[in-house]
Structure formats: structure tokens, C-alpha cells
C-alpha atoms as a PDB file:
ATOM      1  CA  UNK A   1     -11.942   7.433   6.470  1.00  0.00           C
ATOM      2  CA  UNK A   2      -8.216   6.681   6.337  1.00  0.00           C
ATOM      3  CA  UNK A   3      -5.745   5.487   8.864  1.00  0.00           C
ATOM      4  CA  UNK A   4      -2.788   7.342  10.258  1.00  0.00           C
ATOM      5  CA  UNK A   5       0.476   5.466   9.655  1.00  0.00           C
ATOM      6  CA  UNK A   6       3.598   7.327  10.806  1.00  0.00           C
ATOM      7  CA  UNK A   7       1.873  10.666  10.249  1.00  0.00           C
ATOM      8  CA  UNK A   8       0.598   9.834   6.745  1.00  0.00           C
ATOM      9  CA  UNK A   9      -3.114   9.707   6.071  1.00  0.00           C
ATOM     10  CA  UNK A  10      -4.411   7.192   3.553  1.00  0.00           C
ATOM     11  CA  UNK A  11      -7.794   6.962   1.900  1.00  0.00           C
ATOM     12  CA  UNK A  12      -9.560   4.403  -0.249  1.00  0.00           C
ATOM     13  CA  UNK A  13     -10.214   5.402  -3.851  1.00  0.00           C
ATOM     14  CA  UNK A  14     -12.493   3.454  -6.195  1.00  0.00           C
ATOM     15  CA  UNK A  15     -12.141   3.742  -9.961  1.00  0.00           C
ATOM     16  CA  UNK A  16     -14.868   2.363 -12.210  1.00  0.00           C
ATOM     17  CA  UNK A  17     -13.647   1.385 -15.700  1.00  0.00           C
ATOM     18  CA  UNK A  18     -15.779   0.532 -18.736  1.00  0.00           C
ATOM     19  CA  UNK A  19     -14.128  -2.546 -20.252  1.00  0.00           C
ATOM     20  CA  UNK A  20     -14.541  -4.484 -23.481  1.00  0.00           C
ATOM     21  CA  UNK A  21     -12.367  -7.002 -25.303  1.00  0.00           C
ATOM     22  CA  UNK A  22     -13.854  -7.931 -28.683  1.00  0.00           C
ATOM     23  CA  UNK A  23     -11.982 -11.246 -28.696  1.00  0.00           C
ATOM     24  CA  UNK A  24     -13.400 -12.547 -25.405  1.00  0.00           C
ATOM     25  CA  UNK A  25     -16.389 -10.423 -24.325  1.00  0.00           C
ATOM     26  CA  UNK A  26     -19.936 -10.570 -25.668  1.00  0.00           C
ATOM     27  CA  UNK A  27     -20.901  -7.232 -24.087  1.00  0.00           C
ATOM     28  CA  UNK A  28     -18.921  -4.419 -22.448  1.00  0.00           C
ATOM     29  CA  UNK A  29     -19.069  -4.188 -18.668  1.00  0.00           C
ATOM     30  CA  UNK A  30     -17.934  -2.028 -15.764  1.00  0.00           C
ATOM     31  CA  UNK A  31     -15.204  -3.196 -13.402  1.00  0.00           C
ATOM     32  CA  UNK A  32     -14.393  -1.441 -10.122  1.00  0.00           C
ATOM     33  CA  UNK A  33     -10.889  -1.196  -8.695  1.00  0.00           C
ATOM     34  CA  UNK A  34     -10.354  -0.052  -5.102  1.00  0.00           C
ATOM     35  CA  UNK A  35      -6.962   0.961  -3.731  1.00  0.00           C
ATOM     36  CA  UNK A  36      -5.539   2.834  -0.785  1.00  0.00           C
ATOM     37  CA  UNK A  37      -3.604   5.962  -1.646  1.00  0.00           C
ATOM     38  CA  UNK A  38      -1.501   8.238   0.474  1.00  0.00           C
ATOM     39  CA  UNK A  39      -0.888  11.955   0.389  1.00  0.00           C
ATOM     40  CA  UNK A  40       1.999  11.695  -2.110  1.00  0.00           C
ATOM     41  CA  UNK A  41       0.292   9.337  -4.572  1.00  0.00           C
END
């Protein structure tokens, strides 16, 4: 799942956010953000 870099294991985490900006968006929508996090994050 993660990779071992100098003894630290990382894993990918995906966060799904419900977003809406009344000035620019007609309808709200979901946006997914994926990042790699380590043990200390």
C-alpha cells in the first residue's frame, strides 16, 4: 500500500470535499484530493 523510504511507511489518503461557491458555481459538487502521508503526519 505504501512505500518504505528510509524506514518510514507512507500511504495514500483521499479526502472527498463537498464544495460550493455561490459566486461561480451553479450547483455544489464533490472534489477529491489524494495525498501521500507518512507516520508523523
